[in-house]
């Protein structure tokens, strides 16, 4: 029995060591692809973005954005009903001019307010880190053929065109949708405005769409920076942060459900568009980079 147990333990040790070795080999290959040239023998690029290079990805996301916008526009009661779940309606004072009085309870809780601040600045820190790494790579003489350079450019360009320009520069400043807490439904002074409808009621920093959620959804672009074995965890973390931040913005009375969902989709649409614009046309229909073998063998 002791010899059999010893053999069993030896077999288990070998199996675990083999799996660890395979995972390490995968990570080393990924790092070499990111840090050295992605131009294998023959001179053709290999894409780092996989399905994002497929034109159907961009078309599908853009179509989903328009469908979701139409759904919320026609079914405006969805936004109101979700926001009411977080609104504590109270009796108005006799001298109050408002017909509805109350408060979004979560907006008064310090824990959620601090957590919101942490999540709000996380994309900024990630963008600064990516910019510093890109500057260092360019200083070392790395070219467009280096995978990490392409990923960094796509990431920063997506941030500039999406959350910064489209969301915070255009939609939130000029679309004029009042935030929930500003409307009659929740004790405010303005009528409800459906998602996507232009209005001049809100002058600046308005509800449509959520800038914070758009910034967190942008973090999906950092997934290619990680080895394939880490990508599911990173993507799950990003989705969790988007869900948490979106839920808090709704619970605070700062945004409607449509603002959160459409902000997420806007960042993904911009990312898919930038990938289609930046990646060489020759590689857009190739398989993801993790499915091809590097030209240099491992030691």
C-alpha atoms as a PDB file:
ATOM      1  CA  UNK A   1       0.000   0.000   0.000  1.00  0.00           C
ATOM      2  CA  UNK A   2       2.843   2.373   0.827  1.00  0.00           C
ATOM      3  CA  UNK A   3       4.532   1.796  -2.565  1.00  0.00           C
ATOM      4  CA  UNK A   4       1.233   2.322  -4.381  1.00  0.00           C
ATOM      5  CA  UNK A   5       0.625   5.518  -2.448  1.00  0.00           C
ATOM      6  CA  UNK A   6       4.142   6.689  -3.248  1.00  0.00           C
ATOM      7  CA  UNK A   7       3.588   6.028  -6.964  1.00  0.00           C
ATOM      8  CA  UNK A   8       0.285   7.875  -6.810  1.00  0.00           C
ATOM      9  CA  UNK A   9       1.899  10.893  -5.163  1.00  0.00           C
ATOM     10  CA  UNK A  10       4.714  10.842  -7.713  1.00  0.00           C
ATOM     11  CA  UNK A  11       2.236  10.700 -10.589  1.00  0.00           C
ATOM     12  CA  UNK A  12       0.259  13.610  -9.106  1.00  0.00           C
ATOM     13  CA  UNK A  13       3.437  15.661  -8.667  1.00  0.00           C
ATOM     14  CA  UNK A  14       4.469  15.052 -12.271  1.00  0.00           C
ATOM     15  CA  UNK A  15       1.006  15.999 -13.514  1.00  0.00           C
ATOM     16  CA  UNK A  16       0.938  19.248 -11.555  1.00  0.00           C
ATOM     17  CA  UNK A  17       4.484  20.132 -12.651  1.00  0.00           C
ATOM     18  CA  UNK A  18       3.553  19.487 -16.278  1.00  0.00           C
ATOM     19  CA  UNK A  19       0.520  21.747 -16.053  1.00  0.00           C
ATOM     20  CA  UNK A  20       2.506  24.512 -14.389  1.00  0.00           C
ATOM     21  CA  UNK A  21       5.151  24.190 -17.097  1.00  0.00           C
ATOM     22  CA  UNK A  22       2.521  24.465 -19.855  1.00  0.00           C
ATOM     23  CA  UNK A  23       1.009  27.566 -18.253  1.00  0.00           C
ATOM     24  CA  UNK A  24       4.440  29.140 -17.893  1.00  0.00           C
ATOM     25  CA  UNK A  25       5.280  28.400 -21.525  1.00  0.00           C
ATOM     26  CA  UNK A  26       2.031  30.065 -22.596  1.00  0.00           C
ATOM     27  CA  UNK A  27       2.774  33.158 -20.521  1.00  0.00           C
ATOM     28  CA  UNK A  28       6.343  33.417 -21.821  1.00  0.00           C
ATOM     29  CA  UNK A  29       5.157  33.150 -25.411  1.00  0.00           C
ATOM     30  CA  UNK A  30       2.555  35.833 -24.787  1.00  0.00           C
ATOM     31  CA  UNK A  31       5.087  38.196 -23.209  1.00  0.00           C
ATOM     32  CA  UNK A  32       7.507  37.697 -26.087  1.00  0.00           C
ATOM     33  CA  UNK A  33       4.753  38.442 -28.579  1.00  0.00           C
ATOM     34  CA  UNK A  34       3.854  41.603 -26.669  1.00  0.00           C
ATOM     35  CA  UNK A  35       7.404  42.813 -26.108  1.00  0.00           C
ATOM     36  CA  UNK A  36       9.049  41.821 -29.368  1.00  0.00           C
ATOM     37  CA  UNK A  37       8.095  42.025 -33.001  1.00  0.00           C
ATOM     38  CA  UNK A  38       4.786  40.532 -34.054  1.00  0.00           C
ATOM     39  CA  UNK A  39       6.057  40.097 -37.591  1.00  0.00           C
ATOM     40  CA  UNK A  40       6.795  36.409 -38.118  1.00  0.00           C
ATOM     41  CA  UNK A  41       8.787  34.965 -40.967  1.00  0.00           C
ATOM     42  CA  UNK A  42       7.262  36.176 -44.215  1.00  0.00           C
ATOM     43  CA  UNK A  43       6.729  39.737 -43.000  1.00  0.00           C
ATOM     44  CA  UNK A  44       2.989  39.649 -42.328  1.00  0.00           C
ATOM     45  CA  UNK A  45       1.389  41.033 -39.183  1.00  0.00           C
ATOM     46  CA  UNK A  46      -0.617  38.908 -36.808  1.00  0.00           C
ATOM     47  CA  UNK A  47      -3.535  40.504 -35.020  1.00  0.00           C
ATOM     48  CA  UNK A  48      -3.625  40.867 -31.253  1.00  0.00           C
ATOM     49  CA  UNK A  49      -7.327  41.638 -31.177  1.00  0.00           C
ATOM     50  CA  UNK A  50      -8.917  38.440 -32.450  1.00  0.00           C
ATOM     51  CA  UNK A  51     -12.662  38.751 -33.087  1.00  0.00           C
ATOM     52  CA  UNK A  52     -12.545  42.519 -32.618  1.00  0.00           C
ATOM     53  CA  UNK A  53     -10.997  42.738 -36.109  1.00  0.00           C
ATOM     54  CA  UNK A  54     -14.015  41.022 -37.627  1.00  0.00           C
ATOM     55  CA  UNK A  55     -16.278  43.625 -39.316  1.00  0.00           C
ATOM     56  CA  UNK A  56     -19.303  41.796 -37.933  1.00  0.00           C
ATOM     57  CA  UNK A  57     -18.176  42.707 -34.416  1.00  0.00           C
ATOM     58  CA  UNK A  58     -18.363  46.447 -35.150  1.00  0.00           C
ATOM     59  CA  UNK A  59     -21.618  46.089 -37.087  1.00  0.00           C
ATOM     60  CA  UNK A  60     -23.174  43.937 -34.388  1.00  0.00           C
ATOM     61  CA  UNK A  61     -22.226  46.280 -31.539  1.00  0.00           C
ATOM     62  CA  UNK A  62     -23.416  49.354 -33.444  1.00  0.00           C
ATOM     63  CA  UNK A  63     -26.688  47.582 -34.204  1.00  0.00           C
ATOM     64  CA  UNK A  64     -27.070  46.566 -30.564  1.00  0.00           C
ATOM     65  CA  UNK A  65     -26.460  50.170 -29.482  1.00  0.00           C
ATOM     66  CA  UNK A  66     -29.192  51.473 -31.822  1.00  0.00           C
ATOM     67  CA  UNK A  67     -31.611  48.705 -30.820  1.00  0.00           C
ATOM     68  CA  UNK A  68     -31.037  49.384 -27.100  1.00  0.00           C
ATOM     69  CA  UNK A  69     -31.443  53.127 -27.604  1.00  0.00           C
ATOM     70  CA  UNK A  70     -34.730  52.576 -29.460  1.00  0.00           C
ATOM     71  CA  UNK A  71     -35.976  50.181 -26.788  1.00  0.00           C
ATOM     72  CA  UNK A  72     -35.329  52.675 -23.979  1.00  0.00           C
ATOM     73  CA  UNK A  73     -36.744  55.559 -26.020  1.00  0.00           C
ATOM     74  CA  UNK A  74     -40.020  53.767 -26.720  1.00  0.00           C
ATOM     75  CA  UNK A  75     -40.179  52.065 -23.316  1.00  0.00           C
ATOM     76  CA  UNK A  76     -39.320  55.069 -21.171  1.00  0.00           C
ATOM     77  CA  UNK A  77     -41.141  53.576 -18.177  1.00  0.00           C
ATOM     78  CA  UNK A  78     -38.236  51.131 -17.789  1.00  0.00           C
ATOM     79  CA  UNK A  79     -35.900  53.942 -16.726  1.00  0.00           C
ATOM     80  CA  UNK A  80     -38.412  55.389 -14.293  1.00  0.00           C
ATOM     81  CA  UNK A  81     -39.291  52.029 -12.751  1.00  0.00           C
ATOM     82  CA  UNK A  82     -35.658  51.062 -12.120  1.00  0.00           C
ATOM     83  CA  UNK A  83     -34.810  54.439 -10.563  1.00  0.00           C
ATOM     84  CA  UNK A  84     -37.851  54.240  -8.267  1.00  0.00           C
ATOM     85  CA  UNK A  85     -36.403  51.093  -6.708  1.00  0.00           C
ATOM     86  CA  UNK A  86     -33.713  53.260  -5.085  1.00  0.00           C
ATOM     87  CA  UNK A  87     -35.853  56.298  -4.231  1.00  0.00           C
ATOM     88  CA  UNK A  88     -37.283  56.692  -0.741  1.00  0.00           C
ATOM     89  CA  UNK A  89     -40.413  58.793  -1.230  1.00  0.00           C
ATOM     90  CA  UNK A  90     -41.428  60.863   1.775  1.00  0.00           C
ATOM     91  CA  UNK A  91     -44.283  63.165   2.686  1.00  0.00           C
ATOM     92  CA  UNK A  92     -43.741  66.746   1.548  1.00  0.00           C
ATOM     93  CA  UNK A  93     -43.853  69.654   3.947  1.00  0.00           C
ATOM     94  CA  UNK A  94     -47.102  71.683   3.784  1.00  0.00           C
ATOM     95  CA  UNK A  95     -45.294  74.712   2.360  1.00  0.00           C
ATOM     96  CA  UNK A  96     -43.352  72.657  -0.223  1.00  0.00           C
ATOM     97  CA  UNK A  97     -44.090  73.510  -3.833  1.00  0.00           C
ATOM     98  CA  UNK A  98     -43.066  70.049  -5.070  1.00  0.00           C
ATOM     99  CA  UNK A  99     -45.546  67.215  -5.513  1.00  0.00           C
ATOM    100  CA  UNK A 100     -42.922  64.542  -4.872  1.00  0.00           C
ATOM    101  CA  UNK A 101     -40.435  64.572  -2.033  1.00  0.00           C
ATOM    102  CA  UNK A 102     -37.841  62.045  -0.984  1.00  0.00           C
ATOM    103  CA  UNK A 103     -34.230  61.047  -1.282  1.00  0.00           C
ATOM    104  CA  UNK A 104     -31.965  58.542  -2.991  1.00  0.00           C
ATOM    105  CA  UNK A 105     -30.709  56.874   0.176  1.00  0.00           C
ATOM    106  CA  UNK A 106     -27.492  55.435  -1.285  1.00  0.00           C
ATOM    107  CA  UNK A 107     -26.294  58.926  -2.241  1.00  0.00           C
ATOM    108  CA  UNK A 108     -26.143  59.820   1.467  1.00  0.00           C
ATOM    109  CA  UNK A 109     -24.079  56.786   2.516  1.00  0.00           C
ATOM    110  CA  UNK A 110     -20.369  57.520   2.886  1.00  0.00           C
ATOM    111  CA  UNK A 111     -19.217  53.968   2.042  1.00  0.00           C
ATOM    112  CA  UNK A 112     -20.786  54.021  -1.417  1.00  0.00           C
ATOM    113  CA  UNK A 113     -19.580  57.549  -2.069  1.00  0.00           C
ATOM    114  CA  UNK A 114     -15.973  56.607  -1.284  1.00  0.00           C
ATOM    115  CA  UNK A 115     -16.217  53.471  -3.415  1.00  0.00           C
ATOM    116  CA  UNK A 116     -17.551  55.559  -6.270  1.00  0.00           C
ATOM    117  CA  UNK A 117     -14.509  57.843  -6.049  1.00  0.00           C
ATOM    118  CA  UNK A 118     -12.137  54.876  -6.146  1.00  0.00           C
ATOM    119  CA  UNK A 119     -13.788  53.416  -9.245  1.00  0.00           C
ATOM    120  CA  UNK A 120     -13.995  56.843 -10.873  1.00  0.00           C
ATOM    121  CA  UNK A 121     -10.229  57.358 -10.915  1.00  0.00           C
ATOM    122  CA  UNK A 122      -9.183  53.796 -11.709  1.00  0.00           C
ATOM    123  CA  UNK A 123      -9.422  54.262 -15.523  1.00  0.00           C
ATOM    124  CA  UNK A 124      -7.307  57.418 -15.188  1.00  0.00           C
ATOM    125  CA  UNK A 125      -4.540  55.505 -13.434  1.00  0.00           C
ATOM    126  CA  UNK A 126      -4.666  52.726 -16.034  1.00  0.00           C
ATOM    127  CA  UNK A 127      -4.474  55.266 -18.868  1.00  0.00           C
ATOM    128  CA  UNK A 128      -1.451  56.952 -17.278  1.00  0.00           C
ATOM    129  CA  UNK A 129       0.273  53.595 -16.871  1.00  0.00           C
ATOM    130  CA  UNK A 130      -0.380  52.655 -20.506  1.00  0.00           C
ATOM    131  CA  UNK A 131       0.845  56.076 -21.704  1.00  0.00           C
ATOM    132  CA  UNK A 132       4.078  55.772 -19.699  1.00  0.00           C
ATOM    133  CA  UNK A 133       4.706  52.255 -21.022  1.00  0.00           C
ATOM    134  CA  UNK A 134       4.053  53.408 -24.574  1.00  0.00           C
ATOM    135  CA  UNK A 135       6.450  56.336 -24.190  1.00  0.00           C
ATOM    136  CA  UNK A 136       9.104  53.981 -22.811  1.00  0.00           C
ATOM    137  CA  UNK A 137       8.629  51.547 -25.705  1.00  0.00           C
ATOM    138  CA  UNK A 138       8.922  54.326 -28.272  1.00  0.00           C
ATOM    139  CA  UNK A 139      12.031  55.647 -26.494  1.00  0.00           C
ATOM    140  CA  UNK A 140      13.611  52.194 -26.811  1.00  0.00           C
ATOM    141  CA  UNK A 141      12.971  52.292 -30.545  1.00  0.00           C
ATOM    142  CA  UNK A 142      10.061  49.853 -30.653  1.00  0.00           C
ATOM    143  CA  UNK A 143       7.996  50.230 -33.798  1.00  0.00           C
ATOM    144  CA  UNK A 144       4.443  49.568 -34.903  1.00  0.00           C
ATOM    145  CA  UNK A 145       5.388  45.917 -35.404  1.00  0.00           C
ATOM    146  CA  UNK A 146       5.644  45.480 -31.618  1.00  0.00           C
ATOM    147  CA  UNK A 147       2.375  44.113 -30.306  1.00  0.00           C
ATOM    148  CA  UNK A 148       2.408  46.089 -27.074  1.00  0.00           C
ATOM    149  CA  UNK A 149       2.798  49.349 -29.000  1.00  0.00           C
ATOM    150  CA  UNK A 150      -0.271  48.623 -31.123  1.00  0.00           C
ATOM    151  CA  UNK A 151      -2.364  47.622 -28.119  1.00  0.00           C
ATOM    152  CA  UNK A 152      -1.363  50.785 -26.231  1.00  0.00           C
ATOM    153  CA  UNK A 153      -2.187  53.049 -29.179  1.00  0.00           C
ATOM    154  CA  UNK A 154      -5.575  51.401 -29.648  1.00  0.00           C
ATOM    155  CA  UNK A 155      -6.284  51.698 -25.915  1.00  0.00           C
ATOM    156  CA  UNK A 156      -5.421  55.401 -25.670  1.00  0.00           C
ATOM    157  CA  UNK A 157      -7.127  56.292 -28.938  1.00  0.00           C
ATOM    158  CA  UNK A 158     -10.290  54.489 -27.810  1.00  0.00           C
ATOM    159  CA  UNK A 159     -10.241  56.422 -24.542  1.00  0.00           C
ATOM    160  CA  UNK A 160      -9.786  59.753 -26.322  1.00  0.00           C
ATOM    161  CA  UNK A 161     -12.537  59.177 -28.897  1.00  0.00           C
ATOM    162  CA  UNK A 162     -15.001  57.384 -26.615  1.00  0.00           C
ATOM    163  CA  UNK A 163     -15.274  58.377 -22.930  1.00  0.00           C
ATOM    164  CA  UNK A 164     -13.454  61.709 -23.356  1.00  0.00           C
ATOM    165  CA  UNK A 165     -14.720  63.124 -26.667  1.00  0.00           C
ATOM    166  CA  UNK A 166     -18.007  61.400 -27.480  1.00  0.00           C
ATOM    167  CA  UNK A 167     -19.367  60.909 -23.956  1.00  0.00           C
ATOM    168  CA  UNK A 168     -18.006  63.777 -21.844  1.00  0.00           C
ATOM    169  CA  UNK A 169     -17.290  66.213 -24.662  1.00  0.00           C
ATOM    170  CA  UNK A 170     -20.477  65.846 -26.724  1.00  0.00           C
ATOM    171  CA  UNK A 171     -23.316  63.826 -25.230  1.00  0.00           C
ATOM    172  CA  UNK A 172     -23.128  64.954 -21.592  1.00  0.00           C
ATOM    173  CA  UNK A 173     -22.526  68.597 -22.533  1.00  0.00           C
ATOM    174  CA  UNK A 174     -24.974  69.099 -25.403  1.00  0.00           C
ATOM    175  CA  UNK A 175     -27.730  66.458 -25.223  1.00  0.00           C
ATOM    176  CA  UNK A 176     -29.397  68.095 -22.214  1.00  0.00           C
ATOM    177  CA  UNK A 177     -31.107  65.115 -20.579  1.00  0.00           C
ATOM    178  CA  UNK A 178     -31.832  65.945 -16.899  1.00  0.00           C
ATOM    179  CA  UNK A 179     -30.578  63.506 -14.301  1.00  0.00           C
ATOM    180  CA  UNK A 180     -33.251  61.518 -12.415  1.00  0.00           C
ATOM    181  CA  UNK A 181     -32.829  63.598  -9.263  1.00  0.00           C
ATOM    182  CA  UNK A 182     -33.545  66.724 -11.344  1.00  0.00           C
ATOM    183  CA  UNK A 183     -36.947  65.523 -12.619  1.00  0.00           C
ATOM    184  CA  UNK A 184     -40.521  65.818 -11.303  1.00  0.00           C
ATOM    185  CA  UNK A 185     -40.612  62.074 -10.619  1.00  0.00           C
ATOM    186  CA  UNK A 186     -37.996  62.431  -7.884  1.00  0.00           C
ATOM    187  CA  UNK A 187     -38.603  65.880  -6.483  1.00  0.00           C
ATOM    188  CA  UNK A 188     -36.819  67.903  -9.156  1.00  0.00           C
ATOM    189  CA  UNK A 189     -37.872  70.781 -11.376  1.00  0.00           C
ATOM    190  CA  UNK A 190     -37.750  69.272 -14.867  1.00  0.00           C
ATOM    191  CA  UNK A 191     -39.906  66.790 -16.792  1.00  0.00           C
ATOM    192  CA  UNK A 192     -38.605  63.349 -17.723  1.00  0.00           C
ATOM    193  CA  UNK A 193     -36.717  63.161 -21.027  1.00  0.00           C
ATOM    194  CA  UNK A 194     -36.418  59.749 -22.777  1.00  0.00           C
ATOM    195  CA  UNK A 195     -33.030  58.323 -23.692  1.00  0.00           C
ATOM    196  CA  UNK A 196     -31.629  59.773 -26.899  1.00  0.00           C
ATOM    197  CA  UNK A 197     -34.041  62.720 -27.095  1.00  0.00           C
ATOM    198  CA  UNK A 198     -32.333  66.098 -27.291  1.00  0.00           C
ATOM    199  CA  UNK A 199     -33.307  68.651 -24.663  1.00  0.00           C
ATOM    200  CA  UNK A 200     -32.205  72.094 -23.475  1.00  0.00           C
ATOM    201  CA  UNK A 201     -33.349  71.578 -19.886  1.00  0.00           C
ATOM    202  CA  UNK A 202     -29.950  70.572 -18.495  1.00  0.00           C
ATOM    203  CA  UNK A 203     -27.163  73.016 -19.333  1.00  0.00           C
ATOM    204  CA  UNK A 204     -24.020  70.938 -18.680  1.00  0.00           C
ATOM    205  CA  UNK A 205     -22.764  67.625 -17.260  1.00  0.00           C
ATOM    206  CA  UNK A 206     -26.117  65.991 -17.916  1.00  0.00           C
ATOM    207  CA  UNK A 207     -27.451  62.458 -17.633  1.00  0.00           C
ATOM    208  CA  UNK A 208     -27.039  61.021 -21.140  1.00  0.00           C
ATOM    209  CA  UNK A 209     -24.788  58.978 -20.895  1.00  0.00           C
ATOM    210  CA  UNK A 210     -22.724  57.963 -17.836  1.00  0.00           C
ATOM    211  CA  UNK A 211     -19.116  59.114 -18.193  1.00  0.00           C
ATOM    212  CA  UNK A 212     -17.869  57.020 -15.285  1.00  0.00           C
ATOM    213  CA  UNK A 213     -19.379  53.820 -16.651  1.00  0.00           C
ATOM    214  CA  UNK A 214     -18.029  54.576 -20.134  1.00  0.00           C
ATOM    215  CA  UNK A 215     -14.562  54.972 -18.627  1.00  0.00           C
ATOM    216  CA  UNK A 216     -14.764  51.682 -16.754  1.00  0.00           C
ATOM    217  CA  UNK A 217     -16.121  49.871 -19.826  1.00  0.00           C
ATOM    218  CA  UNK A 218     -13.101  51.219 -21.703  1.00  0.00           C
ATOM    219  CA  UNK A 219     -10.931  49.069 -19.410  1.00  0.00           C
ATOM    220  CA  UNK A 220     -11.947  46.094 -21.559  1.00  0.00           C
ATOM    221  CA  UNK A 221      -9.207  47.251 -23.951  1.00  0.00           C
ATOM    222  CA  UNK A 222      -6.506  46.318 -21.426  1.00  0.00           C
ATOM    223  CA  UNK A 223      -7.364  42.618 -21.724  1.00  0.00           C
ATOM    224  CA  UNK A 224      -4.850  42.023 -24.593  1.00  0.00           C
ATOM    225  CA  UNK A 225      -2.070  43.216 -22.277  1.00  0.00           C
ATOM    226  CA  UNK A 226      -2.478  40.031 -20.237  1.00  0.00           C
ATOM    227  CA  UNK A 227      -1.553  36.470 -21.081  1.00  0.00           C
ATOM    228  CA  UNK A 228      -4.435  34.241 -22.264  1.00  0.00           C
ATOM    229  CA  UNK A 229      -4.615  32.445 -18.910  1.00  0.00           C
ATOM    230  CA  UNK A 230      -5.300  35.758 -17.119  1.00  0.00           C
ATOM    231  CA  UNK A 231      -7.744  37.287 -19.575  1.00  0.00           C
ATOM    232  CA  UNK A 232     -10.966  35.669 -18.231  1.00  0.00           C
ATOM    233  CA  UNK A 233     -10.185  36.971 -14.736  1.00  0.00           C
ATOM    234  CA  UNK A 234      -9.362  40.464 -16.006  1.00  0.00           C
ATOM    235  CA  UNK A 235     -12.501  40.609 -18.133  1.00  0.00           C
ATOM    236  CA  UNK A 236     -14.649  39.385 -15.231  1.00  0.00           C
ATOM    237  CA  UNK A 237     -13.126  42.064 -12.990  1.00  0.00           C
ATOM    238  CA  UNK A 238     -13.853  44.790 -15.539  1.00  0.00           C
ATOM    239  CA  UNK A 239     -17.452  43.641 -16.005  1.00  0.00           C
ATOM    240  CA  UNK A 240     -17.935  43.532 -12.233  1.00  0.00           C
ATOM    241  CA  UNK A 241     -16.591  47.086 -11.895  1.00  0.00           C
ATOM    242  CA  UNK A 242     -18.899  48.314 -14.673  1.00  0.00           C
ATOM    243  CA  UNK A 243     -21.908  46.648 -13.060  1.00  0.00           C
ATOM    244  CA  UNK A 244     -21.055  48.003  -9.611  1.00  0.00           C
ATOM    245  CA  UNK A 245     -20.392  51.543 -10.820  1.00  0.00           C
ATOM    246  CA  UNK A 246     -23.518  51.549 -12.983  1.00  0.00           C
ATOM    247  CA  UNK A 247     -25.635  50.312 -10.096  1.00  0.00           C
ATOM    248  CA  UNK A 248     -24.277  53.030  -7.828  1.00  0.00           C
ATOM    249  CA  UNK A 249     -24.946  55.790 -10.366  1.00  0.00           C
ATOM    250  CA  UNK A 250     -28.549  54.615 -10.656  1.00  0.00           C
ATOM    251  CA  UNK A 251     -28.907  54.272  -6.882  1.00  0.00           C
ATOM    252  CA  UNK A 252     -27.540  57.815  -6.407  1.00  0.00           C
ATOM    253  CA  UNK A 253     -30.196  59.247  -8.743  1.00  0.00           C
ATOM    254  CA  UNK A 254     -27.452  60.487 -11.055  1.00  0.00           C
ATOM    255  CA  UNK A 255     -28.253  58.297 -14.058  1.00  0.00           C
ATOM    256  CA  UNK A 256     -30.962  56.131 -15.537  1.00  0.00           C
ATOM    257  CA  UNK A 257     -30.482  52.491 -16.491  1.00  0.00           C
ATOM    258  CA  UNK A 258     -30.357  53.510 -20.162  1.00  0.00           C
ATOM    259  CA  UNK A 259     -27.456  55.904 -19.445  1.00  0.00           C
ATOM    260  CA  UNK A 260     -25.461  53.053 -17.938  1.00  0.00           C
ATOM    261  CA  UNK A 261     -26.163  50.448 -20.616  1.00  0.00           C
ATOM    262  CA  UNK A 262     -25.619  52.827 -23.529  1.00  0.00           C
ATOM    263  CA  UNK A 263     -22.398  54.170 -21.981  1.00  0.00           C
ATOM    264  CA  UNK A 264     -21.025  50.633 -21.828  1.00  0.00           C
ATOM    265  CA  UNK A 265     -21.987  49.900 -25.420  1.00  0.00           C
ATOM    266  CA  UNK A 266     -20.576  53.218 -26.652  1.00  0.00           C
ATOM    267  CA  UNK A 267     -17.103  52.356 -25.339  1.00  0.00           C
ATOM    268  CA  UNK A 268     -17.241  48.920 -26.969  1.00  0.00           C
ATOM    269  CA  UNK A 269     -18.406  50.362 -30.301  1.00  0.00           C
ATOM    270  CA  UNK A 270     -15.593  52.922 -30.287  1.00  0.00           C
ATOM    271  CA  UNK A 271     -13.037  50.246 -29.376  1.00  0.00           C
ATOM    272  CA  UNK A 272     -14.194  47.969 -32.219  1.00  0.00           C
ATOM    273  CA  UNK A 273     -14.086  50.910 -34.623  1.00  0.00           C
ATOM    274  CA  UNK A 274     -10.566  51.904 -33.617  1.00  0.00           C
ATOM    275  CA  UNK A 275      -9.347  48.311 -33.988  1.00  0.00           C
ATOM    276  CA  UNK A 276     -10.786  48.195 -37.501  1.00  0.00           C
ATOM    277  CA  UNK A 277      -9.089  51.499 -38.261  1.00  0.00           C
ATOM    278  CA  UNK A 278      -5.695  50.754 -36.735  1.00  0.00           C
ATOM    279  CA  UNK A 279      -4.973  47.092 -37.443  1.00  0.00           C
ATOM    280  CA  UNK A 280      -3.499  46.387 -40.899  1.00  0.00           C
ATOM    281  CA  UNK A 281      -6.205  45.245 -43.355  1.00  0.00           C
ATOM    282  CA  UNK A 282      -4.243  42.078 -44.140  1.00  0.00           C
ATOM    283  CA  UNK A 283      -4.640  40.699 -40.618  1.00  0.00           C
ATOM    284  CA  UNK A 284      -8.291  41.402 -39.938  1.00  0.00           C
ATOM    285  CA  UNK A 285      -9.469  37.970 -40.946  1.00  0.00           C
ATOM    286  CA  UNK A 286      -6.642  36.011 -39.332  1.00  0.00           C
ATOM    287  CA  UNK A 287      -6.969  33.976 -36.179  1.00  0.00           C
ATOM    288  CA  UNK A 288      -6.087  35.543 -32.797  1.00  0.00           C
ATOM    289  CA  UNK A 289      -2.415  35.851 -31.979  1.00  0.00           C
ATOM    290  CA  UNK A 290      -2.501  33.154 -29.332  1.00  0.00           C
ATOM    291  CA  UNK A 291      -3.321  30.568 -32.011  1.00  0.00           C
ATOM    292  CA  UNK A 292      -0.070  30.940 -33.954  1.00  0.00           C
ATOM    293  CA  UNK A 293       3.420  29.881 -32.992  1.00  0.00           C
ATOM    294  CA  UNK A 294       6.117  32.544 -32.534  1.00  0.00           C
ATOM    295  CA  UNK A 295       8.928  32.527 -35.030  1.00  0.00           C
ATOM    296  CA  UNK A 296      11.519  32.203 -32.251  1.00  0.00           C
ATOM    297  CA  UNK A 297      11.614  29.019 -30.249  1.00  0.00           C
ATOM    298  CA  UNK A 298      11.691  28.952 -26.479  1.00  0.00           C
ATOM    299  CA  UNK A 299      14.997  28.226 -24.761  1.00  0.00           C
END
